[in-house]
Every structure is written in C-alpha cells, then in structure tokens.
Amino acid sequence: QLFKLGSIVPSLLCGHDQMASASASPAPYFAASGASALAFFPLWKAAVIGQSGFEVGGNGFWQKYLQSMKPPWRGSLAVISGMTWGRAVIFYGSDVGSHWMRSQGFSTVISSTLPSLLACLIAQIANQPFTRASIMIQRPGEELAKRTFPTLAMLKHLATTRGLGSLFLGLDAAIL
C-alpha cells in the first residue's frame, strides 16, 4: 500500500519509512513537484515555441533542451509555480483523499479514482488562466512580454479585451 500511484514521487524523497508521515505534511509533495517543474520547464517552453510555429534551435534533444533553458524566461515564475503547486495538490490531494475515503468505507476503486480526478480538476481550473497567459507571452515580439509582470499584464489584457471567459480557453481540452 506504500506504492499508491500518488505516493511514488514523495516516497522517492522521503523513503519508505517516512511515507506514513508524508501524508500529514505536503512539504515532500511540494519539494518533488518543484524539482520536477524546474527540470521540465525547458520542455514546456520548447513545446510552446513549437506550437506557435517557431523552432527551437539545435540539433537533437539535448541541444534543444539546453537552448530552451536560455532567456528570455517570460512568464517562467507563473509556469513553474503553477506546475509545482498543481502537481503537489494532485499528489497530496490524491493520497489524503484516498486515505480518507477508505477510512469511510469506500471501495478501493472509488477511493483511488475520485480524489485523483477531483484534485486534477481543481488544479487545472485554477491554473488555466495562468497557463493561457504564459503561453501567449511566449510569442516573439509580444509587447506585453516586456512588462515587469508580463503574465499579469496578459491576464488583464485578455480579461478586458476578450472577457473573463477567454482566460479559460482550452480548459476543455486540458481537462480531457
């Protein structure tokens, strides 16, 4: 039972002896999620650049990875923070929710499925506006990317020019 799906990442940081207490503290979940977000930010950036029709320089995976680590880092704080808290909420919420549901007598299938789905849904809905704004400021030549807080500037721009609903464009695909 130590190797529930949501417990794998924190167990790597804490060790198996500490997993019982890891559920009580979200700290190992945030630490693992933060390390993962830092490591995968260049891949996110390269994907965003590629999806916008531009190409990341370099030949081969590692050259492109290293190229994606270079500035500009527009919106990187929002992206890395969102990745970190979102993953931590999903893993921690899945573990705590699953444990609670089992203690209330729910089946293993329900207890392992519902908390994960709910935690993912919450994280995705909360992160979507920041994800959308962060992607939009990656466009080369974007004027709002030059602001002190480019993600917040883009959020405000989207909300005032296209309405609040525009902040959640792409949410349906993200949830699926």
N, C-alpha and C. Protein backbone atom coordinates (compact mmCIF):
# COMPACT_ATOMS: atom_id res chain seq x y z
N GLN A 1 0.81 -1.20 0.00
CA GLN A 1 0.00 0.00 0.00
C GLN A 1 0.85 1.26 0.00
N LEU A 2 2.14 1.11 0.25
CA LEU A 2 3.00 2.28 0.23
C LEU A 2 3.15 2.86 -1.17
N PHE A 3 2.95 2.04 -2.18
CA PHE A 3 3.19 2.49 -3.54
C PHE A 3 1.92 2.83 -4.29
N LYS A 4 1.02 3.56 -3.62
CA LYS A 4 -0.14 4.08 -4.33
C LYS A 4 0.38 5.02 -5.41
N LEU A 5 -0.34 5.18 -6.48
CA LEU A 5 0.12 6.00 -7.59
C LEU A 5 0.55 7.39 -7.15
N GLY A 6 -0.22 8.02 -6.32
CA GLY A 6 0.10 9.36 -5.86
C GLY A 6 1.26 9.43 -4.89
N SER A 7 1.72 8.30 -4.37
CA SER A 7 2.78 8.29 -3.37
C SER A 7 4.16 8.03 -3.94
N ILE A 8 4.26 7.71 -5.19
CA ILE A 8 5.55 7.34 -5.77
C ILE A 8 6.55 8.49 -5.70
N VAL A 9 6.15 9.69 -6.13
CA VAL A 9 7.08 10.82 -6.14
C VAL A 9 7.54 11.18 -4.74
N PRO A 10 6.64 11.40 -3.76
CA PRO A 10 7.12 11.73 -2.43
C PRO A 10 7.94 10.62 -1.79
N SER A 11 7.63 9.35 -2.10
CA SER A 11 8.39 8.27 -1.49
C SER A 11 9.84 8.28 -1.95
N LEU A 12 10.09 8.80 -3.14
CA LEU A 12 11.47 8.90 -3.61
C LEU A 12 12.26 9.90 -2.77
N LEU A 13 11.59 10.96 -2.32
CA LEU A 13 12.26 11.95 -1.49
C LEU A 13 12.32 11.54 -0.02
N CYS A 14 11.26 10.92 0.47
CA CYS A 14 11.15 10.66 1.90
C CYS A 14 11.70 9.30 2.31
N GLY A 15 11.65 8.35 1.43
CA GLY A 15 11.98 6.99 1.83
C GLY A 15 10.72 6.31 2.32
N HIS A 16 10.73 4.98 2.30
CA HIS A 16 9.52 4.22 2.64
C HIS A 16 9.13 4.36 4.10
N ASP A 17 10.10 4.51 5.01
CA ASP A 17 9.79 4.59 6.43
C ASP A 17 9.01 5.85 6.77
N GLN A 18 9.15 6.89 5.99
CA GLN A 18 8.51 8.16 6.31
C GLN A 18 7.21 8.38 5.56
N MET A 19 6.78 7.45 4.76
CA MET A 19 5.57 7.66 3.96
C MET A 19 4.33 7.86 4.82
N ALA A 20 4.27 7.21 5.97
CA ALA A 20 3.09 7.39 6.82
C ALA A 20 2.98 8.84 7.25
N SER A 21 4.12 9.49 7.55
CA SER A 21 4.08 10.89 7.96
C SER A 21 4.04 11.84 6.76
N ALA A 22 4.43 11.37 5.57
CA ALA A 22 4.42 12.24 4.39
C ALA A 22 2.99 12.69 4.07
N SER A 23 2.01 11.84 4.32
CA SER A 23 0.63 12.21 4.04
C SER A 23 0.19 13.36 4.94
N ALA A 24 0.77 13.45 6.13
CA ALA A 24 0.40 14.50 7.05
C ALA A 24 1.00 15.85 6.65
N SER A 25 2.08 15.84 5.90
CA SER A 25 2.75 17.07 5.50
C SER A 25 2.84 17.17 3.99
N PRO A 26 2.42 18.29 3.44
CA PRO A 26 2.53 18.46 1.99
C PRO A 26 3.94 18.83 1.53
N ALA A 27 4.86 19.10 2.45
CA ALA A 27 6.21 19.55 2.10
C ALA A 27 6.93 18.64 1.11
N PRO A 28 6.97 17.32 1.33
CA PRO A 28 7.66 16.47 0.34
C PRO A 28 7.00 16.49 -1.03
N TYR A 29 5.70 16.66 -1.04
CA TYR A 29 4.98 16.73 -2.31
C TYR A 29 5.38 18.00 -3.07
N PHE A 30 5.47 19.12 -2.35
CA PHE A 30 5.88 20.37 -2.98
C PHE A 30 7.34 20.31 -3.42
N ALA A 31 8.20 19.69 -2.63
CA ALA A 31 9.62 19.58 -2.99
C ALA A 31 9.78 18.76 -4.27
N ALA A 32 9.14 17.63 -4.33
CA ALA A 32 9.23 16.78 -5.53
C ALA A 32 8.62 17.48 -6.74
N SER A 33 7.50 18.13 -6.53
CA SER A 33 6.83 18.83 -7.62
C SER A 33 7.66 20.01 -8.12
N GLY A 34 8.30 20.72 -7.22
CA GLY A 34 9.16 21.84 -7.60
C GLY A 34 10.37 21.38 -8.41
N ALA A 35 10.99 20.29 -7.98
CA ALA A 35 12.14 19.74 -8.72
C ALA A 35 11.70 19.31 -10.11
N SER A 36 10.55 18.69 -10.20
CA SER A 36 10.02 18.25 -11.49
C SER A 36 9.71 19.44 -12.39
N ALA A 37 9.10 20.48 -11.83
CA ALA A 37 8.75 21.67 -12.62
C ALA A 37 10.00 22.35 -13.17
N LEU A 38 11.03 22.46 -12.35
CA LEU A 38 12.28 23.07 -12.82
C LEU A 38 12.91 22.26 -13.94
N ALA A 39 12.90 20.95 -13.78
CA ALA A 39 13.51 20.09 -14.79
C ALA A 39 12.75 20.11 -16.11
N PHE A 40 11.42 20.22 -16.03
CA PHE A 40 10.61 20.12 -17.24
C PHE A 40 10.20 21.45 -17.84
N PHE A 41 10.56 22.57 -17.20
CA PHE A 41 10.23 23.87 -17.78
C PHE A 41 10.80 24.05 -19.19
N PRO A 42 12.05 23.69 -19.45
CA PRO A 42 12.56 23.84 -20.83
C PRO A 42 11.75 23.04 -21.85
N LEU A 43 11.24 21.88 -21.46
CA LEU A 43 10.42 21.09 -22.39
C LEU A 43 9.09 21.80 -22.66
N TRP A 44 8.51 22.39 -21.61
CA TRP A 44 7.27 23.16 -21.78
C TRP A 44 7.52 24.33 -22.71
N LYS A 45 8.62 25.05 -22.47
CA LYS A 45 8.94 26.22 -23.28
C LYS A 45 9.16 25.84 -24.74
N ALA A 46 9.90 24.75 -24.97
CA ALA A 46 10.14 24.29 -26.34
C ALA A 46 8.83 23.90 -27.02
N ALA A 47 7.94 23.24 -26.29
CA ALA A 47 6.65 22.85 -26.86
C ALA A 47 5.81 24.07 -27.23
N VAL A 48 5.80 25.07 -26.36
CA VAL A 48 5.02 26.28 -26.63
C VAL A 48 5.58 26.99 -27.85
N ILE A 49 6.89 27.10 -27.92
CA ILE A 49 7.51 27.76 -29.07
C ILE A 49 7.18 26.98 -30.35
N GLY A 50 7.28 25.67 -30.29
CA GLY A 50 6.97 24.84 -31.45
C GLY A 50 5.52 24.95 -31.88
N GLN A 51 4.60 25.02 -30.92
CA GLN A 51 3.18 25.12 -31.24
C GLN A 51 2.82 26.47 -31.84
N SER A 52 3.64 27.49 -31.55
CA SER A 52 3.35 28.81 -32.11
C SER A 52 3.96 28.98 -33.49
N GLY A 53 4.56 27.92 -34.02
CA GLY A 53 5.08 27.97 -35.38
C GLY A 53 6.55 28.34 -35.49
N PHE A 54 7.20 28.54 -34.38
CA PHE A 54 8.63 28.85 -34.40
C PHE A 54 9.41 27.60 -34.04
N GLU A 55 10.70 27.63 -34.24
CA GLU A 55 11.52 26.46 -34.00
C GLU A 55 12.58 26.75 -32.95
N VAL A 56 12.80 25.77 -32.09
CA VAL A 56 13.86 25.87 -31.10
C VAL A 56 15.15 25.44 -31.80
N GLY A 57 16.20 26.25 -31.68
CA GLY A 57 17.47 25.95 -32.34
C GLY A 57 18.14 24.72 -31.77
N GLY A 58 19.06 24.15 -32.54
CA GLY A 58 19.82 22.99 -32.09
C GLY A 58 19.44 21.73 -32.83
N ASN A 59 20.38 20.81 -32.84
CA ASN A 59 20.15 19.50 -33.45
C ASN A 59 20.10 18.47 -32.34
N GLY A 60 19.07 17.70 -32.27
CA GLY A 60 18.96 16.67 -31.25
C GLY A 60 18.30 17.17 -29.98
N PHE A 61 17.92 16.22 -29.15
CA PHE A 61 17.15 16.50 -27.94
C PHE A 61 17.90 17.41 -26.98
N TRP A 62 19.14 17.06 -26.60
CA TRP A 62 19.86 17.79 -25.58
C TRP A 62 20.21 19.21 -26.01
N GLN A 63 20.53 19.41 -27.28
CA GLN A 63 20.82 20.77 -27.74
C GLN A 63 19.56 21.63 -27.67
N LYS A 64 18.43 21.06 -28.06
CA LYS A 64 17.18 21.80 -27.99
C LYS A 64 16.77 22.07 -26.53
N TYR A 65 17.02 21.10 -25.67
CA TYR A 65 16.73 21.26 -24.24
C TYR A 65 17.55 22.42 -23.67
N LEU A 66 18.85 22.41 -23.95
CA LEU A 66 19.73 23.48 -23.46
C LEU A 66 19.37 24.83 -24.07
N GLN A 67 18.99 24.84 -25.33
CA GLN A 67 18.57 26.08 -25.99
C GLN A 67 17.30 26.64 -25.33
N SER A 68 16.42 25.75 -24.91
CA SER A 68 15.16 26.18 -24.27
C SER A 68 15.39 26.73 -22.87
N MET A 69 16.54 26.42 -22.28
CA MET A 69 16.85 26.93 -20.94
C MET A 69 17.34 28.38 -20.98
N LYS A 70 17.70 28.84 -22.15
CA LYS A 70 18.23 30.20 -22.28
C LYS A 70 17.10 31.23 -22.20
N PRO A 71 17.48 32.46 -21.81
CA PRO A 71 16.47 33.52 -21.80
C PRO A 71 15.93 33.75 -23.21
N PRO A 72 14.81 34.36 -23.36
CA PRO A 72 14.01 35.01 -22.32
C PRO A 72 13.16 33.99 -21.55
N TRP A 73 12.94 34.28 -20.31
CA TRP A 73 12.14 33.43 -19.45
C TRP A 73 10.81 34.08 -19.13
N ARG A 74 10.17 34.62 -20.13
CA ARG A 74 8.89 35.30 -19.93
C ARG A 74 7.87 34.36 -19.30
N GLY A 75 7.33 34.79 -18.18
CA GLY A 75 6.28 34.01 -17.53
C GLY A 75 6.76 32.77 -16.81
N SER A 76 8.07 32.60 -16.69
CA SER A 76 8.58 31.37 -16.09
C SER A 76 8.17 31.21 -14.63
N LEU A 77 8.09 32.30 -13.87
CA LEU A 77 7.68 32.20 -12.48
C LEU A 77 6.26 31.66 -12.37
N ALA A 78 5.37 32.17 -13.20
CA ALA A 78 3.99 31.69 -13.18
C ALA A 78 3.90 30.23 -13.62
N VAL A 79 4.66 29.87 -14.64
CA VAL A 79 4.61 28.49 -15.15
C VAL A 79 5.17 27.51 -14.13
N ILE A 80 6.36 27.80 -13.60
CA ILE A 80 6.98 26.88 -12.64
C ILE A 80 6.16 26.81 -11.35
N SER A 81 5.64 27.95 -10.90
CA SER A 81 4.78 27.95 -9.70
C SER A 81 3.52 27.13 -9.94
N GLY A 82 2.91 27.33 -11.09
CA GLY A 82 1.69 26.58 -11.42
C GLY A 82 1.94 25.09 -11.54
N MET A 83 3.05 24.72 -12.18
CA MET A 83 3.40 23.30 -12.28
C MET A 83 3.65 22.71 -10.89
N THR A 84 4.34 23.47 -10.06
CA THR A 84 4.69 22.98 -8.72
C THR A 84 3.46 22.77 -7.86
N TRP A 85 2.66 23.81 -7.69
CA TRP A 85 1.52 23.67 -6.80
C TRP A 85 0.49 22.71 -7.38
N GLY A 86 0.32 22.73 -8.71
CA GLY A 86 -0.65 21.84 -9.34
C GLY A 86 -0.31 20.37 -9.11
N ARG A 87 0.95 20.02 -9.34
CA ARG A 87 1.38 18.62 -9.13
C ARG A 87 1.29 18.25 -7.66
N ALA A 88 1.71 19.17 -6.78
CA ALA A 88 1.66 18.88 -5.34
C ALA A 88 0.21 18.66 -4.88
N VAL A 89 -0.70 19.50 -5.36
CA VAL A 89 -2.11 19.35 -5.00
C VAL A 89 -2.65 18.02 -5.50
N ILE A 90 -2.27 17.65 -6.70
CA ILE A 90 -2.76 16.39 -7.26
C ILE A 90 -2.24 15.20 -6.45
N PHE A 91 -0.94 15.14 -6.20
CA PHE A 91 -0.39 14.01 -5.46
C PHE A 91 -0.85 14.00 -4.00
N TYR A 92 -0.74 15.14 -3.34
CA TYR A 92 -1.12 15.22 -1.93
C TYR A 92 -2.63 15.00 -1.78
N GLY A 93 -3.41 15.68 -2.60
CA GLY A 93 -4.86 15.53 -2.53
C GLY A 93 -5.32 14.11 -2.83
N SER A 94 -4.64 13.46 -3.77
CA SER A 94 -4.98 12.07 -4.09
C SER A 94 -4.69 11.16 -2.91
N ASP A 95 -3.53 11.33 -2.30
CA ASP A 95 -3.17 10.49 -1.15
C ASP A 95 -4.09 10.71 0.04
N VAL A 96 -4.28 11.97 0.41
CA VAL A 96 -5.10 12.28 1.57
C VAL A 96 -6.56 11.89 1.31
N GLY A 97 -7.06 12.25 0.13
CA GLY A 97 -8.44 11.91 -0.20
C GLY A 97 -8.68 10.42 -0.27
N SER A 98 -7.75 9.68 -0.83
CA SER A 98 -7.87 8.23 -0.92
C SER A 98 -7.87 7.60 0.47
N HIS A 99 -6.96 8.05 1.30
CA HIS A 99 -6.89 7.54 2.68
C HIS A 99 -8.19 7.82 3.43
N TRP A 100 -8.70 9.04 3.30
CA TRP A 100 -9.94 9.41 3.99
C TRP A 100 -11.11 8.57 3.49
N MET A 101 -11.22 8.43 2.17
CA MET A 101 -12.35 7.66 1.61
C MET A 101 -12.31 6.21 2.05
N ARG A 102 -11.11 5.62 2.10
CA ARG A 102 -11.00 4.23 2.57
C ARG A 102 -11.41 4.13 4.03
N SER A 103 -11.02 5.13 4.83
CA SER A 103 -11.40 5.11 6.26
C SER A 103 -12.91 5.26 6.44
N GLN A 104 -13.59 5.81 5.43
CA GLN A 104 -15.04 5.97 5.48
C GLN A 104 -15.77 4.77 4.89
N GLY A 105 -15.00 3.77 4.43
CA GLY A 105 -15.61 2.54 3.93
C GLY A 105 -15.84 2.48 2.43
N PHE A 106 -15.34 3.44 1.67
CA PHE A 106 -15.49 3.39 0.22
C PHE A 106 -14.59 2.30 -0.36
N SER A 107 -14.96 1.79 -1.52
CA SER A 107 -14.16 0.75 -2.16
C SER A 107 -12.82 1.29 -2.62
N THR A 108 -11.88 0.40 -2.86
CA THR A 108 -10.55 0.79 -3.32
C THR A 108 -10.62 1.49 -4.66
N VAL A 109 -11.47 1.02 -5.55
CA VAL A 109 -11.59 1.62 -6.88
C VAL A 109 -12.07 3.06 -6.77
N ILE A 110 -13.12 3.29 -6.03
CA ILE A 110 -13.67 4.64 -5.86
C ILE A 110 -12.67 5.51 -5.10
N SER A 111 -12.06 4.97 -4.07
CA SER A 111 -11.11 5.73 -3.24
C SER A 111 -9.85 6.12 -3.99
N SER A 112 -9.48 5.35 -4.97
CA SER A 112 -8.27 5.69 -5.72
C SER A 112 -8.57 6.54 -6.95
N THR A 113 -9.82 6.57 -7.38
CA THR A 113 -10.19 7.30 -8.59
C THR A 113 -10.71 8.71 -8.30
N LEU A 114 -11.69 8.83 -7.45
CA LEU A 114 -12.33 10.13 -7.23
C LEU A 114 -11.40 11.22 -6.69
N PRO A 115 -10.59 10.93 -5.67
CA PRO A 115 -9.70 12.00 -5.19
C PRO A 115 -8.73 12.49 -6.26
N SER A 116 -8.22 11.59 -7.07
CA SER A 116 -7.30 11.98 -8.15
C SER A 116 -8.00 12.86 -9.17
N LEU A 117 -9.19 12.45 -9.58
CA LEU A 117 -9.94 13.24 -10.57
C LEU A 117 -10.30 14.62 -10.03
N LEU A 118 -10.74 14.68 -8.79
CA LEU A 118 -11.11 15.96 -8.19
C LEU A 118 -9.90 16.87 -8.03
N ALA A 119 -8.78 16.32 -7.57
CA ALA A 119 -7.57 17.13 -7.40
C ALA A 119 -7.08 17.65 -8.76
N CYS A 120 -7.12 16.81 -9.78
CA CYS A 120 -6.72 17.25 -11.13
C CYS A 120 -7.63 18.35 -11.65
N LEU A 121 -8.92 18.19 -11.45
CA LEU A 121 -9.89 19.17 -11.91
C LEU A 121 -9.65 20.53 -11.23
N ILE A 122 -9.45 20.52 -9.93
CA ILE A 122 -9.21 21.77 -9.19
C ILE A 122 -7.93 22.44 -9.69
N ALA A 123 -6.86 21.67 -9.80
CA ALA A 123 -5.58 22.24 -10.24
C ALA A 123 -5.68 22.81 -11.66
N GLN A 124 -6.35 22.09 -12.54
CA GLN A 124 -6.44 22.54 -13.93
C GLN A 124 -7.27 23.81 -14.06
N ILE A 125 -8.38 23.87 -13.37
CA ILE A 125 -9.23 25.07 -13.43
C ILE A 125 -8.49 26.28 -12.86
N ALA A 126 -7.81 26.09 -11.74
CA ALA A 126 -7.08 27.21 -11.12
C ALA A 126 -5.89 27.66 -11.97
N ASN A 127 -5.22 26.73 -12.62
CA ASN A 127 -4.02 27.06 -13.40
C ASN A 127 -4.30 27.57 -14.81
N GLN A 128 -5.47 27.28 -15.36
CA GLN A 128 -5.73 27.57 -16.77
C GLN A 128 -5.52 29.03 -17.16
N PRO A 129 -6.01 30.01 -16.41
CA PRO A 129 -5.76 31.40 -16.82
C PRO A 129 -4.27 31.73 -16.91
N PHE A 130 -3.49 31.22 -15.95
CA PHE A 130 -2.05 31.50 -15.94
C PHE A 130 -1.34 30.76 -17.07
N THR A 131 -1.80 29.55 -17.36
CA THR A 131 -1.23 28.79 -18.47
C THR A 131 -1.49 29.53 -19.78
N ARG A 132 -2.72 29.97 -19.96
CA ARG A 132 -3.08 30.69 -21.19
C ARG A 132 -2.26 31.96 -21.35
N ALA A 133 -2.16 32.74 -20.28
CA ALA A 133 -1.39 33.99 -20.35
C ALA A 133 0.09 33.72 -20.58
N SER A 134 0.62 32.71 -19.93
CA SER A 134 2.04 32.38 -20.08
C SER A 134 2.37 31.93 -21.50
N ILE A 135 1.47 31.19 -22.09
CA ILE A 135 1.68 30.76 -23.48
C ILE A 135 1.64 31.96 -24.42
N MET A 136 0.71 32.86 -24.20
CA MET A 136 0.57 34.00 -25.11
C MET A 136 1.76 34.94 -25.05
N ILE A 137 2.42 35.06 -23.90
CA ILE A 137 3.57 35.96 -23.84
C ILE A 137 4.85 35.33 -24.39
N GLN A 138 4.80 34.08 -24.78
CA GLN A 138 5.97 33.43 -25.39
C GLN A 138 6.11 33.83 -26.86
N ARG A 139 5.06 34.39 -27.43
CA ARG A 139 5.09 34.78 -28.84
C ARG A 139 6.18 35.84 -29.05
N PRO A 140 7.10 35.57 -29.96
CA PRO A 140 8.14 36.57 -30.23
C PRO A 140 7.52 37.90 -30.66
N GLY A 141 8.01 38.98 -30.09
CA GLY A 141 7.51 40.31 -30.42
C GLY A 141 6.32 40.76 -29.60
N GLU A 142 5.85 39.94 -28.68
CA GLU A 142 4.69 40.30 -27.85
C GLU A 142 5.07 41.48 -26.95
N GLU A 143 4.36 42.59 -27.11
CA GLU A 143 4.65 43.81 -26.36
C GLU A 143 4.45 43.63 -24.85
N LEU A 144 3.41 42.89 -24.47
CA LEU A 144 3.14 42.70 -23.05
C LEU A 144 4.22 41.89 -22.35
N ALA A 145 5.00 41.15 -23.10
CA ALA A 145 6.08 40.34 -22.53
C ALA A 145 7.20 41.20 -21.96
N LYS A 146 7.23 42.47 -22.34
CA LYS A 146 8.28 43.38 -21.89
C LYS A 146 7.93 44.05 -20.56
N ARG A 147 6.73 43.83 -20.08
CA ARG A 147 6.30 44.44 -18.83
C ARG A 147 7.00 43.79 -17.64
N THR A 148 6.96 44.47 -16.50
CA THR A 148 7.58 43.94 -15.28
C THR A 148 6.93 42.63 -14.86
N PHE A 149 5.62 42.55 -14.93
CA PHE A 149 4.87 41.34 -14.62
C PHE A 149 4.08 40.94 -15.86
N PRO A 150 4.73 40.29 -16.82
CA PRO A 150 4.08 40.03 -18.11
C PRO A 150 2.86 39.12 -18.02
N THR A 151 2.88 38.14 -17.15
CA THR A 151 1.74 37.23 -17.05
C THR A 151 0.51 37.99 -16.54
N LEU A 152 0.70 38.81 -15.52
CA LEU A 152 -0.42 39.60 -15.01
C LEU A 152 -0.92 40.60 -16.04
N ALA A 153 0.00 41.20 -16.79
CA ALA A 153 -0.39 42.14 -17.85
C ALA A 153 -1.23 41.43 -18.91
N MET A 154 -0.84 40.21 -19.26
CA MET A 154 -1.60 39.45 -20.27
C MET A 154 -2.96 39.03 -19.72
N LEU A 155 -3.01 38.63 -18.45
CA LEU A 155 -4.30 38.29 -17.84
C LEU A 155 -5.26 39.47 -17.90
N LYS A 156 -4.76 40.64 -17.54
CA LYS A 156 -5.59 41.85 -17.57
C LYS A 156 -6.02 42.17 -19.00
N HIS A 157 -5.09 42.07 -19.94
CA HIS A 157 -5.39 42.35 -21.35
C HIS A 157 -6.48 41.40 -21.88
N LEU A 158 -6.33 40.12 -21.60
CA LEU A 158 -7.32 39.14 -22.06
C LEU A 158 -8.69 39.41 -21.45
N ALA A 159 -8.71 39.66 -20.16
CA ALA A 159 -9.99 39.89 -19.47
C ALA A 159 -10.70 41.14 -19.98
N THR A 160 -9.94 42.21 -20.25
CA THR A 160 -10.58 43.46 -20.69
C THR A 160 -10.92 43.45 -22.17
N THR A 161 -10.11 42.79 -23.01
CA THR A 161 -10.38 42.83 -24.45
C THR A 161 -11.24 41.68 -24.94
N ARG A 162 -11.18 40.53 -24.27
CA ARG A 162 -11.92 39.35 -24.75
C ARG A 162 -12.88 38.78 -23.73
N GLY A 163 -12.92 39.34 -22.53
CA GLY A 163 -13.82 38.86 -21.49
C GLY A 163 -13.17 37.80 -20.61
N LEU A 164 -13.75 37.60 -19.44
CA LEU A 164 -13.21 36.64 -18.48
C LEU A 164 -13.20 35.21 -19.01
N GLY A 165 -14.15 34.88 -19.84
CA GLY A 165 -14.20 33.54 -20.41
C GLY A 165 -12.97 33.19 -21.23
N SER A 166 -12.32 34.21 -21.80
CA SER A 166 -11.13 33.96 -22.62
C SER A 166 -9.97 33.41 -21.79
N LEU A 167 -9.98 33.65 -20.50
CA LEU A 167 -8.92 33.12 -19.64
C LEU A 167 -8.97 31.60 -19.54
N PHE A 168 -10.13 31.04 -19.82
CA PHE A 168 -10.31 29.60 -19.70
C PHE A 168 -10.36 28.89 -21.06
N LEU A 169 -9.97 29.60 -22.12
CA LEU A 169 -9.93 28.98 -23.44
C LEU A 169 -8.94 27.82 -23.41
N GLY A 170 -9.37 26.67 -23.85
CA GLY A 170 -8.52 25.48 -23.84
C GLY A 170 -8.73 24.61 -22.63
N LEU A 171 -9.57 25.03 -21.68
CA LEU A 171 -9.79 24.25 -20.47
C LEU A 171 -10.41 22.89 -20.77
N ASP A 172 -11.34 22.85 -21.72
CA ASP A 172 -11.98 21.58 -22.04
C ASP A 172 -10.97 20.54 -22.51
N ALA A 173 -10.05 20.94 -23.36
CA ALA A 173 -9.02 20.01 -23.83
C ALA A 173 -8.05 19.67 -22.70
N ALA A 174 -7.75 20.62 -21.85
CA ALA A 174 -6.82 20.38 -20.74
C ALA A 174 -7.39 19.38 -19.75
N ILE A 175 -8.69 19.45 -19.51
CA ILE A 175 -9.32 18.52 -18.57
C ILE A 175 -9.40 17.13 -19.15
N LEU A 176 -9.65 17.04 -20.44
CA LEU A 176 -9.70 15.72 -21.07
C LEU A 176 -8.35 15.09 -21.07
